[in-house]
């Protein structure tokens, strides 16, 4: 079953852009431990995606 949602696609695109800019411009490395900014962005993105998925399922 394929699930398509415009808001989730936009969240994914935003996460990609933030990750790319962070990697190229700010030197973020997403495999490093102890980077609180990267961890916070990852958690926030996951929470938004989960919340949108749950809300759409209702």
PDB file of N, CA and C in Angstrom:
ATOM      1  N   UNK A   1       0.838  -1.174   0.000  1.00  0.00           N
ATOM      2  CA  UNK A   1       0.000   0.000   0.000  1.00  0.00           C
ATOM      3  C   UNK A   1       0.887   1.242   0.000  1.00  0.00           C
ATOM      4  N   UNK A   2       0.611   2.132  -0.883  1.00  0.00           N
ATOM      5  CA  UNK A   2       1.422   3.338  -0.982  1.00  0.00           C
ATOM      6  C   UNK A   2       0.673   4.505  -0.352  1.00  0.00           C
ATOM      7  N   UNK A   3       1.365   5.235   0.519  1.00  0.00           N
ATOM      8  CA  UNK A   3       0.759   6.349   1.228  1.00  0.00           C
ATOM      9  C   UNK A   3       1.410   7.636   0.755  1.00  0.00           C
ATOM     10  N   UNK A   4       0.605   8.526   0.191  1.00  0.00           N
ATOM     11  CA  UNK A   4       1.141   9.807  -0.265  1.00  0.00           C
ATOM     12  C   UNK A   4       0.433  10.925   0.472  1.00  0.00           C
ATOM     13  N   UNK A   5       1.205  11.834   0.971  1.00  0.00           N
ATOM     14  CA  UNK A   5       0.665  12.967   1.694  1.00  0.00           C
ATOM     15  C   UNK A   5       1.497  14.187   1.368  1.00  0.00           C
ATOM     16  N   UNK A   6       0.872  15.241   0.908  1.00  0.00           N
ATOM     17  CA  UNK A   6       1.594  16.461   0.559  1.00  0.00           C
ATOM     18  C   UNK A   6       2.339  17.037   1.775  1.00  0.00           C
ATOM     19  N   UNK A   7       1.705  17.124   2.971  1.00  0.00           N
ATOM     20  CA  UNK A   7       2.444  17.655   4.124  1.00  0.00           C
ATOM     21  C   UNK A   7       3.677  16.819   4.475  1.00  0.00           C
ATOM     22  N   UNK A   8       3.557  15.495   4.394  1.00  0.00           N
ATOM     23  CA  UNK A   8       4.711  14.656   4.708  1.00  0.00           C
ATOM     24  C   UNK A   8       5.801  14.802   3.649  1.00  0.00           C
ATOM     25  N   UNK A   9       5.421  14.989   2.406  1.00  0.00           N
ATOM     26  CA  UNK A   9       6.415  15.227   1.367  1.00  0.00           C
ATOM     27  C   UNK A   9       7.147  16.537   1.619  1.00  0.00           C
ATOM     28  N   UNK A  10       6.420  17.555   2.056  1.00  0.00           N
ATOM     29  CA  UNK A  10       7.051  18.835   2.360  1.00  0.00           C
ATOM     30  C   UNK A  10       7.980  18.731   3.572  1.00  0.00           C
ATOM     31  N   UNK A  11       7.585  17.956   4.569  1.00  0.00           N
ATOM     32  CA  UNK A  11       8.452  17.728   5.730  1.00  0.00           C
ATOM     33  C   UNK A  11       9.733  17.025   5.285  1.00  0.00           C
ATOM     34  N   UNK A  12       9.590  16.033   4.430  1.00  0.00           N
ATOM     35  CA  UNK A  12      10.762  15.330   3.915  1.00  0.00           C
ATOM     36  C   UNK A  12      11.672  16.241   3.108  1.00  0.00           C
ATOM     37  N   UNK A  13      11.085  17.090   2.276  1.00  0.00           N
ATOM     38  CA  UNK A  13      11.872  18.035   1.494  1.00  0.00           C
ATOM     39  C   UNK A  13      12.585  19.033   2.395  1.00  0.00           C
ATOM     40  N   UNK A  14      11.884  19.535   3.411  1.00  0.00           N
ATOM     41  CA  UNK A  14      12.497  20.462   4.355  1.00  0.00           C
ATOM     42  C   UNK A  14      13.655  19.804   5.101  1.00  0.00           C
ATOM     43  N   UNK A  15      13.464  18.563   5.533  1.00  0.00           N
ATOM     44  CA  UNK A  15      14.530  17.842   6.223  1.00  0.00           C
ATOM     45  C   UNK A  15      15.739  17.658   5.317  1.00  0.00           C
ATOM     46  N   UNK A  16      15.492  17.359   4.050  1.00  0.00           N
ATOM     47  CA  UNK A  16      16.584  17.198   3.095  1.00  0.00           C
ATOM     48  C   UNK A  16      17.358  18.502   2.926  1.00  0.00           C
ATOM     49  N   UNK A  17      16.637  19.610   2.750  1.00  0.00           N
ATOM     50  CA  UNK A  17      17.292  20.907   2.531  1.00  0.00           C
ATOM     51  C   UNK A  17      18.091  21.319   3.768  1.00  0.00           C
ATOM     52  N   UNK A  18      17.499  21.176   4.952  1.00  0.00           N
ATOM     53  CA  UNK A  18      18.207  21.529   6.183  1.00  0.00           C
ATOM     54  C   UNK A  18      19.452  20.652   6.342  1.00  0.00           C
ATOM     55  N   UNK A  19      19.307  19.370   6.065  1.00  0.00           N
ATOM     56  CA  UNK A  19      20.456  18.469   6.170  1.00  0.00           C
ATOM     57  C   UNK A  19      21.549  18.798   5.177  1.00  0.00           C
ATOM     58  N   UNK A  20      21.161  19.095   3.955  1.00  0.00           N
ATOM     59  CA  UNK A  20      22.149  19.423   2.925  1.00  0.00           C
ATOM     60  C   UNK A  20      22.873  20.727   3.247  1.00  0.00           C
ATOM     61  N   UNK A  21      22.113  21.757   3.603  1.00  0.00           N
ATOM     62  CA  UNK A  21      22.735  23.043   3.952  1.00  0.00           C
ATOM     63  C   UNK A  21      23.609  22.891   5.193  1.00  0.00           C
ATOM     64  N   UNK A  22      23.123  22.166   6.183  1.00  0.00           N
ATOM     65  CA  UNK A  22      23.922  21.944   7.389  1.00  0.00           C
ATOM     66  C   UNK A  22      25.216  21.215   7.095  1.00  0.00           C
ATOM     67  N   UNK A  23      25.155  20.250   6.218  1.00  0.00           N
ATOM     68  CA  UNK A  23      26.345  19.475   5.865  1.00  0.00           C
ATOM     69  C   UNK A  23      27.343  20.311   5.070  1.00  0.00           C
ATOM     70  N   UNK A  24      26.842  21.018   4.056  1.00  0.00           N
ATOM     71  CA  UNK A  24      27.727  21.757   3.162  1.00  0.00           C
ATOM     72  C   UNK A  24      28.213  23.060   3.793  1.00  0.00           C
ATOM     73  N   UNK A  25      27.304  23.831   4.371  1.00  0.00           N
ATOM     74  CA  UNK A  25      27.657  25.167   4.855  1.00  0.00           C
ATOM     75  C   UNK A  25      28.245  25.142   6.263  1.00  0.00           C
ATOM     76  N   UNK A  26      27.613  24.372   7.158  1.00  0.00           N
ATOM     77  CA  UNK A  26      28.004  24.411   8.560  1.00  0.00           C
ATOM     78  C   UNK A  26      28.895  23.245   8.990  1.00  0.00           C
ATOM     79  N   UNK A  27      29.128  22.305   8.103  1.00  0.00           N
ATOM     80  CA  UNK A  27      30.005  21.187   8.426  1.00  0.00           C
ATOM     81  C   UNK A  27      29.408  20.172   9.375  1.00  0.00           C
ATOM     82  N   UNK A  28      28.064  20.102   9.434  1.00  0.00           N
ATOM     83  CA  UNK A  28      27.435  19.120  10.299  1.00  0.00           C
ATOM     84  C   UNK A  28      27.719  17.725   9.773  1.00  0.00           C
ATOM     85  N   UNK A  29      27.949  16.811  10.660  1.00  0.00           N
ATOM     86  CA  UNK A  29      28.126  15.412  10.300  1.00  0.00           C
ATOM     87  C   UNK A  29      27.102  14.615  11.085  1.00  0.00           C
ATOM     88  N   UNK A  30      26.248  13.926  10.376  1.00  0.00           N
ATOM     89  CA  UNK A  30      25.121  13.262  11.003  1.00  0.00           C
ATOM     90  C   UNK A  30      25.485  11.904  11.607  1.00  0.00           C
ATOM     91  N   UNK A  31      26.718  11.498  11.475  1.00  0.00           N
ATOM     92  CA  UNK A  31      27.151  10.262  12.116  1.00  0.00           C
ATOM     93  C   UNK A  31      27.944  10.538  13.388  1.00  0.00           C
ATOM     94  N   UNK A  32      28.144  11.800  13.720  1.00  0.00           N
ATOM     95  CA  UNK A  32      28.933  12.133  14.897  1.00  0.00           C
ATOM     96  C   UNK A  32      28.065  12.122  16.150  1.00  0.00           C
ATOM     97  N   UNK A  33      28.657  11.732  17.242  1.00  0.00           N
ATOM     98  CA  UNK A  33      27.917  11.742  18.501  1.00  0.00           C
ATOM     99  C   UNK A  33      28.193  13.056  19.226  1.00  0.00           C
ATOM    100  N   UNK A  34      27.238  13.481  19.999  1.00  0.00           N
ATOM    101  CA  UNK A  34      27.423  14.675  20.798  1.00  0.00           C
ATOM    102  C   UNK A  34      27.011  15.965  20.113  1.00  0.00           C
ATOM    103  N   UNK A  35      26.455  15.890  18.916  1.00  0.00           N
ATOM    104  CA  UNK A  35      26.006  17.087  18.220  1.00  0.00           C
ATOM    105  C   UNK A  35      24.540  17.325  18.559  1.00  0.00           C
ATOM    106  N   UNK A  36      24.301  18.254  19.466  1.00  0.00           N
ATOM    107  CA  UNK A  36      22.935  18.466  19.948  1.00  0.00           C
ATOM    108  C   UNK A  36      22.024  19.093  18.889  1.00  0.00           C
ATOM    109  N   UNK A  37      22.552  19.942  18.026  1.00  0.00           N
ATOM    110  CA  UNK A  37      21.729  20.561  16.985  1.00  0.00           C
ATOM    111  C   UNK A  37      21.219  19.498  16.017  1.00  0.00           C
ATOM    112  N   UNK A  38      22.100  18.641  15.577  1.00  0.00           N
ATOM    113  CA  UNK A  38      21.724  17.595  14.633  1.00  0.00           C
ATOM    114  C   UNK A  38      20.722  16.637  15.272  1.00  0.00           C
ATOM    115  N   UNK A  39      20.956  16.270  16.516  1.00  0.00           N
ATOM    116  CA  UNK A  39      20.042  15.382  17.222  1.00  0.00           C
ATOM    117  C   UNK A  39      18.665  16.028  17.390  1.00  0.00           C
ATOM    118  N   UNK A  40      18.640  17.302  17.767  1.00  0.00           N
ATOM    119  CA  UNK A  40      17.360  18.004  17.944  1.00  0.00           C
ATOM    120  C   UNK A  40      16.600  18.100  16.628  1.00  0.00           C
ATOM    121  N   UNK A  41      17.285  18.394  15.534  1.00  0.00           N
ATOM    122  CA  UNK A  41      16.630  18.455  14.229  1.00  0.00           C
ATOM    123  C   UNK A  41      16.065  17.093  13.825  1.00  0.00           C
ATOM    124  N   UNK A  42      16.817  16.052  14.073  1.00  0.00           N
ATOM    125  CA  UNK A  42      16.340  14.704  13.749  1.00  0.00           C
ATOM    126  C   UNK A  42      15.117  14.315  14.558  1.00  0.00           C
ATOM    127  N   UNK A  43      15.141  14.604  15.844  1.00  0.00           N
ATOM    128  CA  UNK A  43      14.000  14.289  16.699  1.00  0.00           C
ATOM    129  C   UNK A  43      12.782  15.114  16.302  1.00  0.00           C
ATOM    130  N   UNK A  44      12.989  16.398  16.047  1.00  0.00           N
ATOM    131  CA  UNK A  44      11.875  17.259  15.650  1.00  0.00           C
ATOM    132  C   UNK A  44      11.252  16.785  14.332  1.00  0.00           C
ATOM    133  N   UNK A  45      12.080  16.438  13.374  1.00  0.00           N
ATOM    134  CA  UNK A  45      11.569  15.945  12.098  1.00  0.00           C
ATOM    135  C   UNK A  45      10.789  14.654  12.255  1.00  0.00           C
ATOM    136  N   UNK A  46      11.304  13.764  13.078  1.00  0.00           N
ATOM    137  CA  UNK A  46      10.610  12.497  13.309  1.00  0.00           C
ATOM    138  C   UNK A  46       9.274  12.725  14.008  1.00  0.00           C
ATOM    139  N   UNK A  47       9.243  13.620  14.984  1.00  0.00           N
ATOM    140  CA  UNK A  47       7.995  13.896  15.697  1.00  0.00           C
ATOM    141  C   UNK A  47       6.947  14.525  14.790  1.00  0.00           C
ATOM    142  N   UNK A  48       7.360  15.425  13.931  1.00  0.00           N
ATOM    143  CA  UNK A  48       6.417  16.042  12.993  1.00  0.00           C
ATOM    144  C   UNK A  48       5.863  14.992  12.037  1.00  0.00           C
ATOM    145  N   UNK A  49       6.728  14.140  11.508  1.00  0.00           N
ATOM    146  CA  UNK A  49       6.275  13.099  10.586  1.00  0.00           C
ATOM    147  C   UNK A  49       5.317  12.127  11.270  1.00  0.00           C
ATOM    148  N   UNK A  50       5.610  11.757  12.497  1.00  0.00           N
ATOM    149  CA  UNK A  50       4.734  10.844  13.239  1.00  0.00           C
ATOM    150  C   UNK A  50       3.395  11.509  13.524  1.00  0.00           C
ATOM    151  N   UNK A  51       3.429  12.764  13.962  1.00  0.00           N
ATOM    152  CA  UNK A  51       2.189  13.473  14.268  1.00  0.00           C
ATOM    153  C   UNK A  51       1.304  13.608  13.027  1.00  0.00           C
ATOM    154  N   UNK A  52       1.893  13.960  11.901  1.00  0.00           N
ATOM    155  CA  UNK A  52       1.108  14.092  10.676  1.00  0.00           C
ATOM    156  C   UNK A  52       0.537  12.752  10.229  1.00  0.00           C
ATOM    157  N   UNK A  53       1.304  11.697  10.394  1.00  0.00           N
ATOM    158  CA  UNK A  53       0.824  10.373  10.020  1.00  0.00           C
ATOM    159  C   UNK A  53      -0.352   9.945  10.899  1.00  0.00           C
ATOM    160  N   UNK A  54      -0.227  10.182  12.199  1.00  0.00           N
ATOM    161  CA  UNK A  54      -1.305   9.820  13.116  1.00  0.00           C
ATOM    162  C   UNK A  54      -2.557  10.645  12.830  1.00  0.00           C
ATOM    163  N   UNK A  55      -2.392  11.938  12.604  1.00  0.00           N
ATOM    164  CA  UNK A  55      -3.540  12.796  12.320  1.00  0.00           C
ATOM    165  C   UNK A  55      -4.236  12.410  11.019  1.00  0.00           C
ATOM    166  N   UNK A  56      -3.482  12.017  10.016  1.00  0.00           N
ATOM    167  CA  UNK A  56      -4.080  11.617   8.727  1.00  0.00           C
ATOM    168  C   UNK A  56      -4.795  10.279   8.846  1.00  0.00           C
ATOM    169  N   UNK A  57      -4.370   9.435   9.768  1.00  0.00           N
ATOM    170  CA  UNK A  57      -4.980   8.124   9.926  1.00  0.00           C
ATOM    171  C   UNK A  57      -6.358   8.211  10.586  1.00  0.00           C
ATOM    172  N   UNK A  58      -6.637   9.302  11.232  1.00  0.00           N
ATOM    173  CA  UNK A  58      -7.926   9.451  11.935  1.00  0.00           C
ATOM    174  C   UNK A  58      -9.039   9.680  10.995  1.00  0.00           C
TER     175      UNK A  58
END
